[in-house]
Amino acid sequence: MLRANTKAAADKVRKFTDEELDTAVSICLYWDTPLSAQWFIEYHSVRHNYSHLDSIRAAFNR
């Protein structure tokens, strides 16, 4: 499931254009800082999950 969903997510992200990735809007959760779509993908979809990798592995190894 993890491999299939990871591939599906990566395939969708690869379809974004540079213009779409550069699109930024103010986000109230970040003190109205304008953040780009690329930032959200990298921070939330990649880095944030990576920070939980040890607990994810532990859950699968139970």
PDB file of N, CA and C in Angstrom:
ATOM      1  N   MET A   1       0.831  -1.187   0.000  1.00  0.00           N
ATOM      2  CA  MET A   1       0.000   0.000   0.000  1.00  0.00           C
ATOM      3  C   MET A   1       0.878   1.254   0.000  1.00  0.00           C
ATOM      4  N   LEU A   2       1.913   1.258   0.831  1.00  0.00           N
ATOM      5  CA  LEU A   2       2.794   2.425   0.922  1.00  0.00           C
ATOM      6  C   LEU A   2       3.499   2.668  -0.416  1.00  0.00           C
ATOM      7  N   ARG A   3       4.011   1.610  -1.019  1.00  0.00           N
ATOM      8  CA  ARG A   3       4.699   1.768  -2.315  1.00  0.00           C
ATOM      9  C   ARG A   3       3.739   2.252  -3.401  1.00  0.00           C
ATOM     10  N   ALA A   4       2.556   1.669  -3.452  1.00  0.00           N
ATOM     11  CA  ALA A   4       1.582   2.059  -4.481  1.00  0.00           C
ATOM     12  C   ALA A   4       1.145   3.507  -4.302  1.00  0.00           C
ATOM     13  N   ASN A   5       0.842   3.901  -3.077  1.00  0.00           N
ATOM     14  CA  ASN A   5       0.397   5.277  -2.833  1.00  0.00           C
ATOM     15  C   ASN A   5       1.520   6.277  -3.053  1.00  0.00           C
ATOM     16  N   THR A   6       2.746   5.897  -2.708  1.00  0.00           N
ATOM     17  CA  THR A   6       3.888   6.779  -2.925  1.00  0.00           C
ATOM     18  C   THR A   6       4.088   7.017  -4.413  1.00  0.00           C
ATOM     19  N   LYS A   7       4.009   5.953  -5.201  1.00  0.00           N
ATOM     20  CA  LYS A   7       4.159   6.096  -6.648  1.00  0.00           C
ATOM     21  C   LYS A   7       3.037   6.958  -7.225  1.00  0.00           C
ATOM     22  N   ALA A   8       1.807   6.721  -6.797  1.00  0.00           N
ATOM     23  CA  ALA A   8       0.674   7.505  -7.290  1.00  0.00           C
ATOM     24  C   ALA A   8       0.852   8.987  -6.954  1.00  0.00           C
ATOM     25  N   ALA A   9       1.288   9.277  -5.739  1.00  0.00           N
ATOM     26  CA  ALA A   9       1.500  10.675  -5.326  1.00  0.00           C
ATOM     27  C   ALA A   9       2.628  11.307  -6.140  1.00  0.00           C
ATOM     28  N   ALA A  10       3.725  10.583  -6.319  1.00  0.00           N
ATOM     29  CA  ALA A  10       4.857  11.107  -7.092  1.00  0.00           C
ATOM     30  C   ALA A  10       4.440  11.384  -8.536  1.00  0.00           C
ATOM     31  N   ASP A  11       3.657  10.481  -9.116  1.00  0.00           N
ATOM     32  CA  ASP A  11       3.194  10.684 -10.493  1.00  0.00           C
ATOM     33  C   ASP A  11       2.357  11.952 -10.607  1.00  0.00           C
ATOM     34  N   LYS A  12       1.507  12.228  -9.632  1.00  0.00           N
ATOM     35  CA  LYS A  12       0.682  13.440  -9.664  1.00  0.00           C
ATOM     36  C   LYS A  12       1.541  14.695  -9.496  1.00  0.00           C
ATOM     37  N   VAL A  13       2.503  14.650  -8.594  1.00  0.00           N
ATOM     38  CA  VAL A  13       3.362  15.811  -8.359  1.00  0.00           C
ATOM     39  C   VAL A  13       4.172  16.137  -9.609  1.00  0.00           C
ATOM     40  N   ARG A  14       4.640  15.116 -10.305  1.00  0.00           N
ATOM     41  CA  ARG A  14       5.431  15.342 -11.522  1.00  0.00           C
ATOM     42  C   ARG A  14       4.633  16.045 -12.621  1.00  0.00           C
ATOM     43  N   LYS A  15       3.317  16.026 -12.563  1.00  0.00           N
ATOM     44  CA  LYS A  15       2.479  16.651 -13.581  1.00  0.00           C
ATOM     45  C   LYS A  15       2.311  18.157 -13.377  1.00  0.00           C
ATOM     46  N   PHE A  16       2.678  18.668 -12.202  1.00  0.00           N
ATOM     47  CA  PHE A  16       2.568  20.107 -11.962  1.00  0.00           C
ATOM     48  C   PHE A  16       3.524  20.867 -12.874  1.00  0.00           C
ATOM     49  N   THR A  17       3.077  21.994 -13.383  1.00  0.00           N
ATOM     50  CA  THR A  17       3.949  22.861 -14.177  1.00  0.00           C
ATOM     51  C   THR A  17       4.752  23.750 -13.224  1.00  0.00           C
ATOM     52  N   ASP A  18       5.809  24.355 -13.751  1.00  0.00           N
ATOM     53  CA  ASP A  18       6.593  25.289 -12.941  1.00  0.00           C
ATOM     54  C   ASP A  18       5.718  26.437 -12.455  1.00  0.00           C
ATOM     55  N   GLU A  19       4.837  26.904 -13.309  1.00  0.00           N
ATOM     56  CA  GLU A  19       3.937  28.000 -12.928  1.00  0.00           C
ATOM     57  C   GLU A  19       3.036  27.590 -11.760  1.00  0.00           C
ATOM     58  N   GLU A  20       2.499  26.384 -11.817  1.00  0.00           N
ATOM     59  CA  GLU A  20       1.653  25.901 -10.722  1.00  0.00           C
ATOM     60  C   GLU A  20       2.457  25.756  -9.429  1.00  0.00           C
ATOM     61  N   LEU A  21       3.662  25.231  -9.536  1.00  0.00           N
ATOM     62  CA  LEU A  21       4.493  25.054  -8.344  1.00  0.00           C
ATOM     63  C   LEU A  21       4.902  26.386  -7.734  1.00  0.00           C
ATOM     64  N   ASP A  22       5.059  27.412  -8.575  1.00  0.00           N
ATOM     65  CA  ASP A  22       5.459  28.738  -8.092  1.00  0.00           C
ATOM     66  C   ASP A  22       4.302  29.539  -7.509  1.00  0.00           C
ATOM     67  N   THR A  23       3.071  29.117  -7.731  1.00  0.00           N
ATOM     68  CA  THR A  23       1.901  29.840  -7.228  1.00  0.00           C
ATOM     69  C   THR A  23       1.946  29.902  -5.702  1.00  0.00           C
ATOM     70  N   ALA A  24       1.849  31.095  -5.167  1.00  0.00           N
ATOM     71  CA  ALA A  24       1.916  31.287  -3.717  1.00  0.00           C
ATOM     72  C   ALA A  24       0.690  32.050  -3.233  1.00  0.00           C
ATOM     73  N   VAL A  25       0.230  31.697  -2.059  1.00  0.00           N
ATOM     74  CA  VAL A  25      -0.881  32.400  -1.416  1.00  0.00           C
ATOM     75  C   VAL A  25      -0.543  32.600   0.054  1.00  0.00           C
ATOM     76  N   SER A  26      -1.148  33.595   0.677  1.00  0.00           N
ATOM     77  CA  SER A  26      -0.939  33.847   2.102  1.00  0.00           C
ATOM     78  C   SER A  26      -1.664  32.779   2.911  1.00  0.00           C
ATOM     79  N   ILE A  27      -0.981  32.241   3.892  1.00  0.00           N
ATOM     80  CA  ILE A  27      -1.522  31.160   4.719  1.00  0.00           C
ATOM     81  C   ILE A  27      -1.604  31.636   6.166  1.00  0.00           C
ATOM     82  N   CYS A  28      -2.815  31.654   6.711  1.00  0.00           N
ATOM     83  CA  CYS A  28      -3.003  32.176   8.069  1.00  0.00           C
ATOM     84  C   CYS A  28      -2.282  31.319   9.118  1.00  0.00           C
ATOM     85  N   LEU A  29      -2.138  30.027   8.864  1.00  0.00           N
ATOM     86  CA  LEU A  29      -1.442  29.170   9.835  1.00  0.00           C
ATOM     87  C   LEU A  29       0.041  29.495   9.943  1.00  0.00           C
ATOM     88  N   TYR A  30       0.545  30.234   8.972  1.00  0.00           N
ATOM     89  CA  TYR A  30       1.953  30.642   8.962  1.00  0.00           C
ATOM     90  C   TYR A  30       2.062  32.160   8.969  1.00  0.00           C
ATOM     91  N   TRP A  31       1.213  32.798   9.755  1.00  0.00           N
ATOM     92  CA  TRP A  31       1.233  34.244   9.975  1.00  0.00           C
ATOM     93  C   TRP A  31       1.112  35.017   8.660  1.00  0.00           C
ATOM     94  N   ASP A  32       0.221  34.531   7.787  1.00  0.00           N
ATOM     95  CA  ASP A  32      -0.062  35.151   6.486  1.00  0.00           C
ATOM     96  C   ASP A  32       1.154  35.226   5.560  1.00  0.00           C
ATOM     97  N   THR A  33       2.099  34.343   5.789  1.00  0.00           N
ATOM     98  CA  THR A  33       3.253  34.249   4.892  1.00  0.00           C
ATOM     99  C   THR A  33       2.800  33.662   3.555  1.00  0.00           C
ATOM    100  N   PRO A  34       3.208  34.273   2.452  1.00  0.00           N
ATOM    101  CA  PRO A  34       2.876  33.671   1.154  1.00  0.00           C
ATOM    102  C   PRO A  34       3.745  32.433   0.922  1.00  0.00           C
ATOM    103  N   LEU A  35       3.104  31.293   0.747  1.00  0.00           N
ATOM    104  CA  LEU A  35       3.826  30.041   0.548  1.00  0.00           C
ATOM    105  C   LEU A  35       3.410  29.425  -0.781  1.00  0.00           C
ATOM    106  N   SER A  36       4.374  28.856  -1.473  1.00  0.00           N
ATOM    107  CA  SER A  36       4.114  28.286  -2.793  1.00  0.00           C
ATOM    108  C   SER A  36       3.606  26.849  -2.696  1.00  0.00           C
ATOM    109  N   ALA A  37       3.021  26.408  -3.786  1.00  0.00           N
ATOM    110  CA  ALA A  37       2.588  25.009  -3.871  1.00  0.00           C
ATOM    111  C   ALA A  37       3.795  24.094  -3.719  1.00  0.00           C
ATOM    112  N   GLN A  38       4.922  24.485  -4.290  1.00  0.00           N
ATOM    113  CA  GLN A  38       6.137  23.679  -4.170  1.00  0.00           C
ATOM    114  C   GLN A  38       6.537  23.527  -2.705  1.00  0.00           C
ATOM    115  N   TRP A  39       6.422  24.601  -1.935  1.00  0.00           N
ATOM    116  CA  TRP A  39       6.781  24.527  -0.525  1.00  0.00           C
ATOM    117  C   TRP A  39       5.896  23.507   0.196  1.00  0.00           C
ATOM    118  N   PHE A  40       4.592  23.557  -0.074  1.00  0.00           N
ATOM    119  CA  PHE A  40       3.688  22.614   0.580  1.00  0.00           C
ATOM    120  C   PHE A  40       4.006  21.172   0.216  1.00  0.00           C
ATOM    121  N   ILE A  41       4.288  20.942  -1.054  1.00  0.00           N
ATOM    122  CA  ILE A  41       4.621  19.585  -1.478  1.00  0.00           C
ATOM    123  C   ILE A  41       5.899  19.116  -0.793  1.00  0.00           C
ATOM    124  N   GLU A  42       6.919  19.951  -0.808  1.00  0.00           N
ATOM    125  CA  GLU A  42       8.198  19.553  -0.210  1.00  0.00           C
ATOM    126  C   GLU A  42       8.112  19.447   1.306  1.00  0.00           C
ATOM    127  N   TYR A  43       7.458  20.394   1.937  1.00  0.00           N
ATOM    128  CA  TYR A  43       7.428  20.417   3.398  1.00  0.00           C
ATOM    129  C   TYR A  43       6.455  19.392   3.961  1.00  0.00           C
ATOM    130  N   HIS A  44       5.231  19.394   3.499  1.00  0.00           N
ATOM    131  CA  HIS A  44       4.215  18.519   4.082  1.00  0.00           C
ATOM    132  C   HIS A  44       4.223  17.114   3.490  1.00  0.00           C
ATOM    133  N   SER A  45       4.361  17.010   2.186  1.00  0.00           N
ATOM    134  CA  SER A  45       4.265  15.693   1.566  1.00  0.00           C
ATOM    135  C   SER A  45       5.566  14.909   1.612  1.00  0.00           C
ATOM    136  N   VAL A  46       6.677  15.576   1.730  1.00  0.00           N
ATOM    137  CA  VAL A  46       7.962  14.886   1.710  1.00  0.00           C
ATOM    138  C   VAL A  46       8.657  14.985   3.065  1.00  0.00           C
ATOM    139  N   ARG A  47       9.092  16.167   3.448  1.00  0.00           N
ATOM    140  CA  ARG A  47       9.892  16.310   4.651  1.00  0.00           C
ATOM    141  C   ARG A  47       9.133  15.935   5.921  1.00  0.00           C
ATOM    142  N   HIS A  48       7.901  16.376   6.032  1.00  0.00           N
ATOM    143  CA  HIS A  48       7.147  16.108   7.250  1.00  0.00           C
ATOM    144  C   HIS A  48       6.971  14.604   7.458  1.00  0.00           C
ATOM    145  N   ASN A  49       6.612  13.892   6.401  1.00  0.00           N
ATOM    146  CA  ASN A  49       6.465  12.441   6.517  1.00  0.00           C
ATOM    147  C   ASN A  49       7.796  11.777   6.824  1.00  0.00           C
ATOM    148  N   TYR A  50       8.867  12.284   6.221  1.00  0.00           N
ATOM    149  CA  TYR A  50      10.202  11.736   6.476  1.00  0.00           C
ATOM    150  C   TYR A  50      10.559  11.843   7.959  1.00  0.00           C
ATOM    151  N   SER A  51      10.130  12.909   8.607  1.00  0.00           N
ATOM    152  CA  SER A  51      10.435  13.077  10.033  1.00  0.00           C
ATOM    153  C   SER A  51       9.726  12.032  10.887  1.00  0.00           C
ATOM    154  N   HIS A  52       8.699  11.396  10.333  1.00  0.00           N
ATOM    155  CA  HIS A  52       7.971  10.348  11.043  1.00  0.00           C
ATOM    156  C   HIS A  52       8.383   8.939  10.611  1.00  0.00           C
ATOM    157  N   LEU A  53       9.404   8.851   9.782  1.00  0.00           N
ATOM    158  CA  LEU A  53       9.773   7.569   9.194  1.00  0.00           C
ATOM    159  C   LEU A  53      10.065   6.489  10.235  1.00  0.00           C
ATOM    160  N   ASP A  54      10.767   6.835  11.293  1.00  0.00           N
ATOM    161  CA  ASP A  54      11.087   5.833  12.320  1.00  0.00           C
ATOM    162  C   ASP A  54       9.824   5.270  12.967  1.00  0.00           C
ATOM    163  N   SER A  55       8.858   6.138  13.286  1.00  0.00           N
ATOM    164  CA  SER A  55       7.623   5.632  13.911  1.00  0.00           C
ATOM    165  C   SER A  55       6.784   4.848  12.905  1.00  0.00           C
ATOM    166  N   ILE A  56       6.834   5.209  11.628  1.00  0.00           N
ATOM    167  CA  ILE A  56       6.110   4.457  10.610  1.00  0.00           C
ATOM    168  C   ILE A  56       6.717   3.068  10.475  1.00  0.00           C
ATOM    169  N   ARG A  57       8.046   3.002  10.417  1.00  0.00           N
ATOM    170  CA  ARG A  57       8.716   1.686  10.332  1.00  0.00           C
ATOM    171  C   ARG A  57       8.394   0.837  11.559  1.00  0.00           C
ATOM    172  N   ALA A  58       8.402   1.437  12.717  1.00  0.00           N
ATOM    173  CA  ALA A  58       8.101   0.689  13.944  1.00  0.00           C
ATOM    174  C   ALA A  58       6.683   0.131  13.897  1.00  0.00           C
ATOM    175  N   ALA A  59       5.735   0.901  13.367  1.00  0.00           N
ATOM    176  CA  ALA A  59       4.354   0.435  13.273  1.00  0.00           C
ATOM    177  C   ALA A  59       4.233  -0.750  12.333  1.00  0.00           C
ATOM    178  N   PHE A  60       4.968  -0.713  11.213  1.00  0.00           N
ATOM    179  CA  PHE A  60       4.923  -1.827  10.266  1.00  0.00           C
ATOM    180  C   PHE A  60       5.617  -3.069  10.804  1.00  0.00           C
ATOM    181  N   ASN A  61       6.577  -2.885  11.697  1.00  0.00           N
ATOM    182  CA  ASN A  61       7.330  -4.017  12.233  1.00  0.00           C
ATOM    183  C   ASN A  61       6.669  -4.676  13.437  1.00  0.00           C
ATOM    184  N   ARG A  62       5.541  -4.148  13.872  1.00  0.00           N
ATOM    185  CA  ARG A  62       4.855  -4.728  15.027  1.00  0.00           C
ATOM    186  C   ARG A  62       4.219  -6.040  14.676  1.00  0.00           C
TER     187      ARG A  62
END
